[in-house]
Amino acid sequence: LRLRELGYANTANSRIRAVFGSRLSKYNDAQLTALK
């Protein structure tokens, strides 16, 4: 599909951490939820 990367607002934080790893390690779960 010819898509652009869409947001991660509905993605579980654990999945986001698995995909993006250390790039998001400075955020706790509440901060990551707000960020996404």
PDB file of all heavy atoms in Angstrom:
ATOM      1  N   LEU A   1       0.858  -1.183   0.000  1.00  0.00           N
ATOM      2  CA  LEU A   1       0.000   0.000   0.000  1.00  0.00           C
ATOM      3  C   LEU A   1       0.894   1.233   0.000  1.00  0.00           C
ATOM      4  O   LEU A   1       1.923   1.263   0.665  1.00  0.00           O
ATOM      5  CB  LEU A   1      -0.912   0.002   1.237  1.00  0.00           C
ATOM      6  CG  LEU A   1      -1.831  -1.204   1.363  1.00  0.00           C
ATOM      7  CD1 LEU A   1      -2.539  -1.192   2.704  1.00  0.00           C
ATOM      8  CD2 LEU A   1      -2.831  -1.242   0.223  1.00  0.00           C
ATOM      9  N   ARG A   2       0.510   2.268  -0.730  1.00  0.00           N
ATOM     10  CA  ARG A   2       1.315   3.483  -0.814  1.00  0.00           C
ATOM     11  C   ARG A   2       0.971   4.401   0.350  1.00  0.00           C
ATOM     12  O   ARG A   2       0.248   5.364   0.205  1.00  0.00           O
ATOM     13  CB  ARG A   2       1.094   4.177  -2.149  1.00  0.00           C
ATOM     14  CG  ARG A   2       1.555   3.349  -3.320  1.00  0.00           C
ATOM     15  CD  ARG A   2       1.320   4.034  -4.612  1.00  0.00           C
ATOM     16  NE  ARG A   2      -0.087   4.399  -4.736  1.00  0.00           N
ATOM     17  CZ  ARG A   2      -0.542   5.252  -5.640  1.00  0.00           C
ATOM     18  NH1 ARG A   2       0.253   5.830  -6.480  1.00  0.00           N
ATOM     19  NH2 ARG A   2      -1.821   5.523  -5.697  1.00  0.00           N
ATOM     20  N   LEU A   3       1.506   4.075   1.501  1.00  0.00           N
ATOM     21  CA  LEU A   3       1.176   4.810   2.716  1.00  0.00           C
ATOM     22  C   LEU A   3       2.334   5.647   3.218  1.00  0.00           C
ATOM     23  O   LEU A   3       3.481   5.381   2.929  1.00  0.00           O
ATOM     24  CB  LEU A   3       0.809   3.818   3.829  1.00  0.00           C
ATOM     25  CG  LEU A   3      -0.391   2.938   3.606  1.00  0.00           C
ATOM     26  CD1 LEU A   3      -0.491   1.924   4.727  1.00  0.00           C
ATOM     27  CD2 LEU A   3      -1.655   3.770   3.541  1.00  0.00           C
ATOM     28  N   ARG A   4       1.998   6.606   4.040  1.00  0.00           N
ATOM     29  CA  ARG A   4       3.009   7.266   4.849  1.00  0.00           C
ATOM     30  C   ARG A   4       2.865   6.691   6.239  1.00  0.00           C
ATOM     31  O   ARG A   4       1.807   6.188   6.615  1.00  0.00           O
ATOM     32  CB  ARG A   4       2.857   8.783   4.838  1.00  0.00           C
ATOM     33  CG  ARG A   4       1.696   9.320   5.624  1.00  0.00           C
ATOM     34  CD  ARG A   4       1.704  10.856   5.567  1.00  0.00           C
ATOM     35  NE  ARG A   4       0.568  11.386   6.247  1.00  0.00           N
ATOM     36  CZ  ARG A   4       0.584  11.822   7.501  1.00  0.00           C
ATOM     37  NH1 ARG A   4       1.680  11.797   8.210  1.00  0.00           N
ATOM     38  NH2 ARG A   4      -0.500  12.297   8.052  1.00  0.00           N
ATOM     39  N   GLU A   5       3.944   6.743   6.985  1.00  0.00           N
ATOM     40  CA  GLU A   5       3.898   6.220   8.342  1.00  0.00           C
ATOM     41  C   GLU A   5       2.876   7.011   9.135  1.00  0.00           C
ATOM     42  O   GLU A   5       2.930   8.230   9.193  1.00  0.00           O
ATOM     43  CB  GLU A   5       5.295   6.361   8.957  1.00  0.00           C
ATOM     44  CG  GLU A   5       5.492   5.634  10.225  1.00  0.00           C
ATOM     45  CD  GLU A   5       6.950   5.636  10.657  1.00  0.00           C
ATOM     46  OE1 GLU A   5       7.753   6.416  10.114  1.00  0.00           O
ATOM     47  OE2 GLU A   5       7.264   4.857  11.550  1.00  0.00           O
ATOM     48  N   LEU A   6       1.935   6.310   9.715  1.00  0.00           N
ATOM     49  CA  LEU A   6       0.886   6.964  10.472  1.00  0.00           C
ATOM     50  C   LEU A   6       1.273   7.006  11.941  1.00  0.00           C
ATOM     51  O   LEU A   6       2.267   6.420  12.347  1.00  0.00           O
ATOM     52  CB  LEU A   6      -0.435   6.229  10.270  1.00  0.00           C
ATOM     53  CG  LEU A   6      -0.904   6.157   8.807  1.00  0.00           C
ATOM     54  CD1 LEU A   6      -2.135   5.280   8.687  1.00  0.00           C
ATOM     55  CD2 LEU A   6      -1.169   7.537   8.254  1.00  0.00           C
ATOM     56  N   GLY A   7       0.503   7.663  12.739  1.00  0.00           N
ATOM     57  CA  GLY A   7       0.811   7.791  14.157  1.00  0.00           C
ATOM     58  C   GLY A   7       0.735   6.481  14.921  1.00  0.00           C
ATOM     59  O   GLY A   7       0.220   5.485  14.438  1.00  0.00           O
ATOM     60  N   TYR A   8       1.247   6.516  16.136  1.00  0.00           N
ATOM     61  CA  TYR A   8       1.291   5.344  17.000  1.00  0.00           C
ATOM     62  C   TYR A   8       0.377   5.498  18.218  1.00  0.00           C
ATOM     63  O   TYR A   8       0.524   4.775  19.188  1.00  0.00           O
ATOM     64  CB  TYR A   8       2.733   5.099  17.455  1.00  0.00           C
ATOM     65  CG  TYR A   8       3.600   4.538  16.344  1.00  0.00           C
ATOM     66  CD1 TYR A   8       4.152   5.368  15.379  1.00  0.00           C
ATOM     67  CD2 TYR A   8       3.828   3.181  16.258  1.00  0.00           C
ATOM     68  CE1 TYR A   8       4.929   4.858  14.359  1.00  0.00           C
ATOM     69  CE2 TYR A   8       4.605   2.648  15.240  1.00  0.00           C
ATOM     70  CZ  TYR A   8       5.153   3.496  14.287  1.00  0.00           C
ATOM     71  OH  TYR A   8       5.919   2.980  13.269  1.00  0.00           O
ATOM     72  N   ALA A   9      -0.571   6.399  18.165  1.00  0.00           N
ATOM     73  CA  ALA A   9      -1.436   6.688  19.315  1.00  0.00           C
ATOM     74  C   ALA A   9      -2.167   5.448  19.824  1.00  0.00           C
ATOM     75  O   ALA A   9      -2.392   5.315  21.025  1.00  0.00           O
ATOM     76  CB  ALA A   9      -2.443   7.784  18.965  1.00  0.00           C
ATOM     77  N   ASN A  10      -2.527   4.533  18.952  1.00  0.00           N
ATOM     78  CA  ASN A  10      -3.268   3.347  19.354  1.00  0.00           C
ATOM     79  C   ASN A  10      -2.388   2.102  19.490  1.00  0.00           C
ATOM     80  O   ASN A  10      -2.897   0.986  19.562  1.00  0.00           O
ATOM     81  CB  ASN A  10      -4.405   3.078  18.364  1.00  0.00           C
ATOM     82  CG  ASN A  10      -5.412   4.206  18.356  1.00  0.00           C
ATOM     83  OD1 ASN A  10      -5.763   4.734  19.411  1.00  0.00           O
ATOM     84  ND2 ASN A  10      -5.860   4.596  17.183  1.00  0.00           N
ATOM     85  N   THR A  11      -1.091   2.301  19.506  1.00  0.00           N
ATOM     86  CA  THR A  11      -0.146   1.190  19.620  1.00  0.00           C
ATOM     87  C   THR A  11       0.295   1.053  21.076  1.00  0.00           C
ATOM     88  O   THR A  11       0.568   2.059  21.741  1.00  0.00           O
ATOM     89  CB  THR A  11       1.081   1.437  18.720  1.00  0.00           C
ATOM     90  OG1 THR A  11       0.622   1.647  17.379  1.00  0.00           O
ATOM     91  CG2 THR A  11       2.042   0.273  18.765  1.00  0.00           C
ATOM     92  N   ALA A  12       0.384  -0.172  21.550  1.00  0.00           N
ATOM     93  CA  ALA A  12       0.817  -0.419  22.931  1.00  0.00           C
ATOM     94  C   ALA A  12       2.240   0.097  23.148  1.00  0.00           C
ATOM     95  O   ALA A  12       3.092  -0.027  22.260  1.00  0.00           O
ATOM     96  CB  ALA A  12       0.772  -1.911  23.233  1.00  0.00           C
ATOM     97  N   ASN A  13       2.473   0.665  24.296  1.00  0.00           N
ATOM     98  CA  ASN A  13       3.806   1.182  24.614  1.00  0.00           C
ATOM     99  C   ASN A  13       4.868   0.098  24.495  1.00  0.00           C
ATOM    100  O   ASN A  13       5.986   0.361  24.039  1.00  0.00           O
ATOM    101  CB  ASN A  13       3.830   1.798  26.008  1.00  0.00           C
ATOM    102  CG  ASN A  13       3.106   3.122  26.065  1.00  0.00           C
ATOM    103  OD1 ASN A  13       2.668   3.651  25.058  1.00  0.00           O
ATOM    104  ND2 ASN A  13       2.972   3.661  27.260  1.00  0.00           N
ATOM    105  N   SER A  14       4.546  -1.121  24.895  1.00  0.00           N
ATOM    106  CA  SER A  14       5.521  -2.214  24.807  1.00  0.00           C
ATOM    107  C   SER A  14       5.927  -2.469  23.358  1.00  0.00           C
ATOM    108  O   SER A  14       7.094  -2.721  23.061  1.00  0.00           O
ATOM    109  CB  SER A  14       4.969  -3.487  25.445  1.00  0.00           C
ATOM    110  OG  SER A  14       3.777  -3.894  24.798  1.00  0.00           O
ATOM    111  N   ARG A  15       4.977  -2.382  22.431  1.00  0.00           N
ATOM    112  CA  ARG A  15       5.286  -2.567  21.007  1.00  0.00           C
ATOM    113  C   ARG A  15       6.138  -1.409  20.494  1.00  0.00           C
ATOM    114  O   ARG A  15       7.104  -1.623  19.753  1.00  0.00           O
ATOM    115  CB  ARG A  15       3.991  -2.687  20.202  1.00  0.00           C
ATOM    116  CG  ARG A  15       4.192  -2.765  18.716  1.00  0.00           C
ATOM    117  CD  ARG A  15       4.858  -4.069  18.304  1.00  0.00           C
ATOM    118  NE  ARG A  15       5.075  -4.066  16.859  1.00  0.00           N
ATOM    119  CZ  ARG A  15       6.149  -4.545  16.274  1.00  0.00           C
ATOM    120  NH1 ARG A  15       7.112  -5.104  16.973  1.00  0.00           N
ATOM    121  NH2 ARG A  15       6.263  -4.497  14.964  1.00  0.00           N
ATOM    122  N   ILE A  16       5.800  -0.201  20.876  1.00  0.00           N
ATOM    123  CA  ILE A  16       6.578   0.971  20.464  1.00  0.00           C
ATOM    124  C   ILE A  16       8.012   0.842  20.970  1.00  0.00           C
ATOM    125  O   ILE A  16       8.969   1.086  20.233  1.00  0.00           O
ATOM    126  CB  ILE A  16       5.921   2.272  20.967  1.00  0.00           C
ATOM    127  CG1 ILE A  16       4.589   2.499  20.247  1.00  0.00           C
ATOM    128  CG2 ILE A  16       6.855   3.458  20.776  1.00  0.00           C
ATOM    129  CD1 ILE A  16       3.762   3.623  20.819  1.00  0.00           C
ATOM    130  N   ARG A  17       8.175   0.429  22.199  1.00  0.00           N
ATOM    131  CA  ARG A  17       9.527   0.255  22.756  1.00  0.00           C
ATOM    132  C   ARG A  17      10.292  -0.836  22.015  1.00  0.00           C
ATOM    133  O   ARG A  17      11.501  -0.721  21.792  1.00  0.00           O
ATOM    134  CB  ARG A  17       9.442  -0.044  24.249  1.00  0.00           C
ATOM    135  CG  ARG A  17       8.977   1.153  25.070  1.00  0.00           C
ATOM    136  CD  ARG A  17       9.062   0.874  26.567  1.00  0.00           C
ATOM    137  NE  ARG A  17       8.375   1.880  27.351  1.00  0.00           N
ATOM    138  CZ  ARG A  17       8.791   3.125  27.543  1.00  0.00           C
ATOM    139  NH1 ARG A  17       9.920   3.545  27.006  1.00  0.00           N
ATOM    140  NH2 ARG A  17       8.076   3.957  28.285  1.00  0.00           N
ATOM    141  N   ALA A  18       9.598  -1.907  21.611  1.00  0.00           N
ATOM    142  CA  ALA A  18      10.249  -2.976  20.859  1.00  0.00           C
ATOM    143  C   ALA A  18      10.726  -2.491  19.494  1.00  0.00           C
ATOM    144  O   ALA A  18      11.800  -2.873  19.029  1.00  0.00           O
ATOM    145  CB  ALA A  18       9.295  -4.164  20.699  1.00  0.00           C
ATOM    146  N   VAL A  19       9.953  -1.624  18.873  1.00  0.00           N
ATOM    147  CA  VAL A  19      10.301  -1.119  17.545  1.00  0.00           C
ATOM    148  C   VAL A  19      11.400  -0.061  17.615  1.00  0.00           C
ATOM    149  O   VAL A  19      12.356  -0.092  16.846  1.00  0.00           O
ATOM    150  CB  VAL A  19       9.048  -0.553  16.825  1.00  0.00           C
ATOM    151  CG1 VAL A  19       9.423   0.174  15.547  1.00  0.00           C
ATOM    152  CG2 VAL A  19       8.051  -1.661  16.550  1.00  0.00           C
ATOM    153  N   PHE A  20      11.264   0.895  18.537  1.00  0.00           N
ATOM    154  CA  PHE A  20      12.168   2.044  18.556  1.00  0.00           C
ATOM    155  C   PHE A  20      13.255   1.981  19.622  1.00  0.00           C
ATOM    156  O   PHE A  20      14.134   2.845  19.667  1.00  0.00           O
ATOM    157  CB  PHE A  20      11.355   3.338  18.685  1.00  0.00           C
ATOM    158  CG  PHE A  20      10.478   3.586  17.490  1.00  0.00           C
ATOM    159  CD1 PHE A  20       9.114   3.392  17.569  1.00  0.00           C
ATOM    160  CD2 PHE A  20      11.017   3.987  16.283  1.00  0.00           C
ATOM    161  CE1 PHE A  20       8.297   3.604  16.465  1.00  0.00           C
ATOM    162  CE2 PHE A  20      10.223   4.203  15.172  1.00  0.00           C
ATOM    163  CZ  PHE A  20       8.855   4.009  15.261  1.00  0.00           C
ATOM    164  N   GLY A  21      13.206   0.989  20.478  1.00  0.00           N
ATOM    165  CA  GLY A  21      14.281   0.726  21.436  1.00  0.00           C
ATOM    166  C   GLY A  21      14.726   1.911  22.266  1.00  0.00           C
ATOM    167  O   GLY A  21      13.910   2.639  22.828  1.00  0.00           O
ATOM    168  N   SER A  22      16.028   2.107  22.312  1.00  0.00           N
ATOM    169  CA  SER A  22      16.627   3.099  23.208  1.00  0.00           C
ATOM    170  C   SER A  22      16.241   4.535  22.877  1.00  0.00           C
ATOM    171  O   SER A  22      16.394   5.418  23.718  1.00  0.00           O
ATOM    172  CB  SER A  22      18.147   2.961  23.187  1.00  0.00           C
ATOM    173  OG  SER A  22      18.646   3.251  21.896  1.00  0.00           O
ATOM    174  N   ARG A  23      15.727   4.773  21.683  1.00  0.00           N
ATOM    175  CA  ARG A  23      15.336   6.143  21.331  1.00  0.00           C
ATOM    176  C   ARG A  23      14.252   6.687  22.248  1.00  0.00           C
ATOM    177  O   ARG A  23      14.081   7.892  22.356  1.00  0.00           O
ATOM    178  CB  ARG A  23      14.860   6.218  19.881  1.00  0.00           C
ATOM    179  CG  ARG A  23      15.991   6.071  18.878  1.00  0.00           C
ATOM    180  CD  ARG A  23      15.474   6.162  17.482  1.00  0.00           C
ATOM    181  NE  ARG A  23      15.353   4.826  16.939  1.00  0.00           N
ATOM    182  CZ  ARG A  23      14.858   4.549  15.750  1.00  0.00           C
ATOM    183  NH1 ARG A  23      14.389   5.516  14.991  1.00  0.00           N
ATOM    184  NH2 ARG A  23      14.811   3.328  15.316  1.00  0.00           N
ATOM    185  N   LEU A  24      13.528   5.797  22.901  1.00  0.00           N
ATOM    186  CA  LEU A  24      12.436   6.229  23.776  1.00  0.00           C
ATOM    187  C   LEU A  24      12.660   5.831  25.227  1.00  0.00           C
ATOM    188  O   LEU A  24      11.755   5.944  26.051  1.00  0.00           O
ATOM    189  CB  LEU A  24      11.107   5.652  23.271  1.00  0.00           C
ATOM    190  CG  LEU A  24      10.699   6.129  21.874  1.00  0.00           C
ATOM    191  CD1 LEU A  24       9.508   5.351  21.362  1.00  0.00           C
ATOM    192  CD2 LEU A  24      10.420   7.614  21.867  1.00  0.00           C
ATOM    193  N   SER A  25      13.870   5.404  25.563  1.00  0.00           N
ATOM    194  CA  SER A  25      14.145   4.911  26.917  1.00  0.00           C
ATOM    195  C   SER A  25      14.042   5.991  27.988  1.00  0.00           C
ATOM    196  O   SER A  25      13.799   5.683  29.152  1.00  0.00           O
ATOM    197  CB  SER A  25      15.529   4.256  26.975  1.00  0.00           C
ATOM    198  OG  SER A  25      16.530   5.199  26.662  1.00  0.00           O
ATOM    199  N   LYS A  26      14.174   7.255  27.604  1.00  0.00           N
ATOM    200  CA  LYS A  26      14.090   8.322  28.604  1.00  0.00           C
ATOM    201  C   LYS A  26      12.655   8.638  29.019  1.00  0.00           C
ATOM    202  O   LYS A  26      12.422   9.405  29.942  1.00  0.00           O
ATOM    203  CB  LYS A  26      14.788   9.582  28.108  1.00  0.00           C
ATOM    204  CG  LYS A  26      14.122  10.273  26.934  1.00  0.00           C
ATOM    205  CD  LYS A  26      14.915  11.495  26.514  1.00  0.00           C
ATOM    206  CE  LYS A  26      14.287  12.216  25.343  1.00  0.00           C
ATOM    207  NZ  LYS A  26      15.074  13.380  24.944  1.00  0.00           N
ATOM    208  N   TYR A  27      11.682   8.040  28.344  1.00  0.00           N
ATOM    209  CA  TYR A  27      10.273   8.309  28.639  1.00  0.00           C
ATOM    210  C   TYR A  27       9.688   7.177  29.480  1.00  0.00           C
ATOM    211  O   TYR A  27       9.817   6.003  29.119  1.00  0.00           O
ATOM    212  CB  TYR A  27       9.453   8.430  27.349  1.00  0.00           C
ATOM    213  CG  TYR A  27       9.905   9.546  26.450  1.00  0.00           C
ATOM    214  CD1 TYR A  27      10.746   9.290  25.365  1.00  0.00           C
ATOM    215  CD2 TYR A  27       9.499  10.853  26.673  1.00  0.00           C
ATOM    216  CE1 TYR A  27      11.165  10.314  24.525  1.00  0.00           C
ATOM    217  CE2 TYR A  27       9.910  11.877  25.832  1.00  0.00           C
ATOM    218  CZ  TYR A  27      10.750  11.609  24.775  1.00  0.00           C
ATOM    219  OH  TYR A  27      11.165  12.618  23.953  1.00  0.00           O
ATOM    220  N   ASN A  28       9.012   7.526  30.581  1.00  0.00           N
ATOM    221  CA  ASN A  28       8.274   6.503  31.316  1.00  0.00           C
ATOM    222  C   ASN A  28       6.965   6.252  30.550  1.00  0.00           C
ATOM    223  O   ASN A  28       6.676   6.930  29.556  1.00  0.00           O
ATOM    224  CB  ASN A  28       8.047   6.905  32.781  1.00  0.00           C
ATOM    225  CG  ASN A  28       7.173   8.138  32.940  1.00  0.00           C
ATOM    226  OD1 ASN A  28       6.220   8.356  32.181  1.00  0.00           O
ATOM    227  ND2 ASN A  28       7.482   8.963  33.936  1.00  0.00           N
ATOM    228  N   ASP A  29       6.169   5.299  30.997  1.00  0.00           N
ATOM    229  CA  ASP A  29       4.952   4.947  30.253  1.00  0.00           C
ATOM    230  C   ASP A  29       3.964   6.101  30.137  1.00  0.00           C
ATOM    231  O   ASP A  29       3.356   6.289  29.082  1.00  0.00           O
ATOM    232  CB  ASP A  29       4.272   3.725  30.868  1.00  0.00           C
ATOM    233  CG  ASP A  29       4.855   2.427  30.333  1.00  0.00           C
ATOM    234  OD1 ASP A  29       5.487   2.448  29.262  1.00  0.00           O
ATOM    235  OD2 ASP A  29       4.663   1.391  30.986  1.00  0.00           O
ATOM    236  N   ALA A  30       3.801   6.878  31.181  1.00  0.00           N
ATOM    237  CA  ALA A  30       2.872   8.010  31.118  1.00  0.00           C
ATOM    238  C   ALA A  30       3.365   9.042  30.109  1.00  0.00           C
ATOM    239  O   ALA A  30       2.569   9.587  29.326  1.00  0.00           O
ATOM    240  CB  ALA A  30       2.714   8.654  32.497  1.00  0.00           C
ATOM    241  N   GLN A  31       4.668   9.316  30.103  1.00  0.00           N
ATOM    242  CA  GLN A  31       5.231  10.276  29.153  1.00  0.00           C
ATOM    243  C   GLN A  31       5.121   9.760  27.719  1.00  0.00           C
ATOM    244  O   GLN A  31       4.806  10.517  26.807  1.00  0.00           O
ATOM    245  CB  GLN A  31       6.700  10.561  29.502  1.00  0.00           C
ATOM    246  CG  GLN A  31       6.882  11.322  30.792  1.00  0.00           C
ATOM    247  CD  GLN A  31       8.346  11.333  31.236  1.00  0.00           C
ATOM    248  OE1 GLN A  31       9.071  10.360  31.082  1.00  0.00           O
ATOM    249  NE2 GLN A  31       8.760  12.474  31.807  1.00  0.00           N
ATOM    250  N   LEU A  32       5.387   8.455  27.528  1.00  0.00           N
ATOM    251  CA  LEU A  32       5.279   7.871  26.195  1.00  0.00           C
ATOM    252  C   LEU A  32       3.839   7.910  25.697  1.00  0.00           C
ATOM    253  O   LEU A  32       3.590   8.210  24.529  1.00  0.00           O
ATOM    254  CB  LEU A  32       5.817   6.442  26.185  1.00  0.00           C
ATOM    255  CG  LEU A  32       5.800   5.725  24.841  1.00  0.00           C
ATOM    256  CD1 LEU A  32       6.496   6.534  23.752  1.00  0.00           C
ATOM    257  CD2 LEU A  32       6.429   4.348  24.980  1.00  0.00           C
ATOM    258  N   THR A  33       2.902   7.655  26.567  1.00  0.00           N
ATOM    259  CA  THR A  33       1.485   7.731  26.190  1.00  0.00           C
ATOM    260  C   THR A  33       1.128   9.140  25.731  1.00  0.00           C
ATOM    261  O   THR A  33       0.432   9.318  24.720  1.00  0.00           O
ATOM    262  CB  THR A  33       0.592   7.286  27.365  1.00  0.00           C
ATOM    263  OG1 THR A  33       0.893   5.915  27.663  1.00  0.00           O
ATOM    264  CG2 THR A  33      -0.888   7.429  27.037  1.00  0.00           C
ATOM    265  N   ALA A  34       1.613  10.144  26.431  1.00  0.00           N
ATOM    266  CA  ALA A  34       1.369  11.534  26.023  1.00  0.00           C
ATOM    267  C   ALA A  34       2.080  11.843  24.711  1.00  0.00           C
ATOM    268  O   ALA A  34       1.508  12.478  23.816  1.00  0.00           O
ATOM    269  CB  ALA A  34       1.828  12.490  27.126  1.00  0.00           C
ATOM    270  N   LEU A  35       3.315  11.385  24.579  1.00  0.00           N
ATOM    271  CA  LEU A  35       4.108  11.656  23.376  1.00  0.00           C
ATOM    272  C   LEU A  35       3.465  11.054  22.136  1.00  0.00           C
ATOM    273  O   LEU A  35       3.349  11.722  21.101  1.00  0.00           O
ATOM    274  CB  LEU A  35       5.530  11.102  23.553  1.00  0.00           C
ATOM    275  CG  LEU A  35       6.493  11.318  22.391  1.00  0.00           C
ATOM    276  CD1 LEU A  35       6.807  12.807  22.234  1.00  0.00           C
ATOM    277  CD2 LEU A  35       7.776  10.530  22.620  1.00  0.00           C
ATOM    278  N   LYS A  36       3.022   9.830  22.228  1.00  0.00           N
ATOM    279  CA  LYS A  36       2.464   9.166  21.046  1.00  0.00           C
ATOM    280  C   LYS A  36       1.129   9.755  20.600  1.00  0.00           C
ATOM    281  O   LYS A  36       0.693   9.508  19.474  1.00  0.00           O
ATOM    282  CB  LYS A  36       2.362   7.655  21.267  1.00  0.00           C
ATOM    283  CG  LYS A  36       1.296   7.217  22.238  1.00  0.00           C
ATOM    284  CD  LYS A  36       1.343   5.708  22.448  1.00  0.00           C
ATOM    285  CE  LYS A  36       0.221   5.242  23.350  1.00  0.00           C
ATOM    286  NZ  LYS A  36       0.275   3.803  23.581  1.00  0.00           N
TER     287      LYS A  36
END
